[in-house]
Amino acid sequence: MTSRLSHAKNDHARARAWIRLAINEMSLESYATVLTQDAALLRDCYAAEAFMADPECNTMLQTLLAGLSFTITFDLQVC
């Protein structure tokens, strides 16, 4: 997937492009699960008060993403 993000020139553009690709591949839920299960990665990448660092918010995120992947098919274009 990284090679398809080569046109994104800054962190925000890469994040948006990565999210679009993950949604199109219907794998955003599994990526989020892997990310939120790695406590060391969360500590390194997010502030302690961040949404992603909060276990309760992670549970809510997983529930929302699971529902999204079953109900909507995406074909977003990366600009």
Protein backbone atom coordinates (compact mmCIF):
# COMPACT_ATOMS: atom_id res chain seq x y z
CA MET A 1 0.00 0.00 0.00
CA THR A 2 2.87 2.39 0.75
CA SER A 3 3.94 2.61 -2.89
CA ARG A 4 0.46 3.86 -3.80
CA LEU A 5 0.88 6.75 -1.35
CA SER A 6 4.02 8.17 -2.99
CA HIS A 7 2.12 11.18 -4.37
CA ALA A 8 1.16 12.34 -0.85
CA LYS A 9 3.76 14.89 0.15
CA ASN A 10 3.03 15.48 3.85
CA ASP A 11 1.75 13.57 6.88
CA HIS A 12 -1.84 14.81 6.57
CA ALA A 13 -2.06 13.89 2.89
CA ARG A 14 -0.56 10.45 3.58
CA ALA A 15 -3.03 9.86 6.42
CA ARG A 16 -6.02 10.83 4.25
CA ALA A 17 -4.78 8.68 1.36
CA TRP A 18 -4.11 5.72 3.68
CA ILE A 19 -7.61 5.96 5.17
CA ARG A 20 -9.18 6.09 1.69
CA LEU A 21 -7.19 3.05 0.58
CA ALA A 22 -8.02 1.11 3.74
CA ILE A 23 -11.73 1.89 3.33
CA ASN A 24 -11.67 0.86 -0.34
CA GLU A 25 -9.93 -2.41 0.59
CA MET A 26 -12.49 -2.96 3.36
CA SER A 27 -9.62 -3.38 5.82
CA LEU A 28 -9.86 -0.24 7.96
CA GLU A 29 -11.39 -2.23 10.83
CA SER A 30 -8.57 -4.79 10.85
CA TYR A 31 -5.89 -2.07 10.63
CA ALA A 32 -7.49 -0.22 13.54
CA THR A 33 -7.65 -3.44 15.55
CA VAL A 34 -3.96 -4.13 15.02
CA LEU A 35 -3.05 -0.54 15.92
CA THR A 36 -5.15 -0.39 19.07
CA GLN A 37 -3.86 -3.75 20.36
CA ASP A 38 -0.25 -2.55 20.34
CA ALA A 39 0.13 -0.58 23.59
CA ALA A 40 3.75 0.40 22.87
CA LEU A 41 2.83 1.79 19.46
CA LEU A 42 -0.07 3.76 20.93
CA ARG A 43 2.21 5.26 23.60
CA ASP A 44 4.79 6.21 20.96
CA CYS A 45 2.34 7.71 18.46
CA TYR A 46 -0.41 9.29 20.56
CA ALA A 47 -0.66 11.57 23.57
CA ALA A 48 -2.08 9.95 26.70
CA GLU A 49 -5.35 11.90 26.34
CA ALA A 50 -5.79 11.11 22.63
CA PHE A 51 -8.91 9.32 21.35
CA MET A 52 -6.80 6.43 20.03
CA ALA A 53 -5.05 6.00 23.41
CA ASP A 54 -8.33 5.59 25.30
CA PRO A 55 -9.41 1.91 25.58
CA GLU A 56 -13.10 2.83 25.87
CA CYS A 57 -12.90 4.95 22.71
CA ASN A 58 -11.08 2.10 20.95
CA THR A 59 -13.96 -0.24 21.72
CA MET A 60 -16.42 2.29 20.34
CA LEU A 61 -14.26 2.79 17.24
CA GLN A 62 -14.12 -0.97 16.58
CA THR A 63 -17.91 -1.22 16.89
CA LEU A 64 -18.48 1.67 14.49
CA LEU A 65 -15.97 0.36 11.96
CA ALA A 66 -17.46 -3.14 12.09
CA GLY A 67 -20.91 -1.76 11.28
CA LEU A 68 -19.52 0.43 8.53
CA SER A 69 -17.75 -2.41 6.75
CA PHE A 70 -20.91 -4.51 6.55
CA THR A 71 -23.29 -1.82 5.36
CA ILE A 72 -21.40 0.37 2.91
CA THR A 73 -19.23 -0.37 -0.10
CA PHE A 74 -16.78 2.41 -0.89
CA ASP A 75 -14.96 3.37 -4.06
CA LEU A 76 -13.21 6.56 -3.01
CA GLN A 77 -10.72 8.13 -5.37
CA VAL A 78 -7.34 9.20 -4.04
CA CYS A 79 -6.68 12.73 -5.29
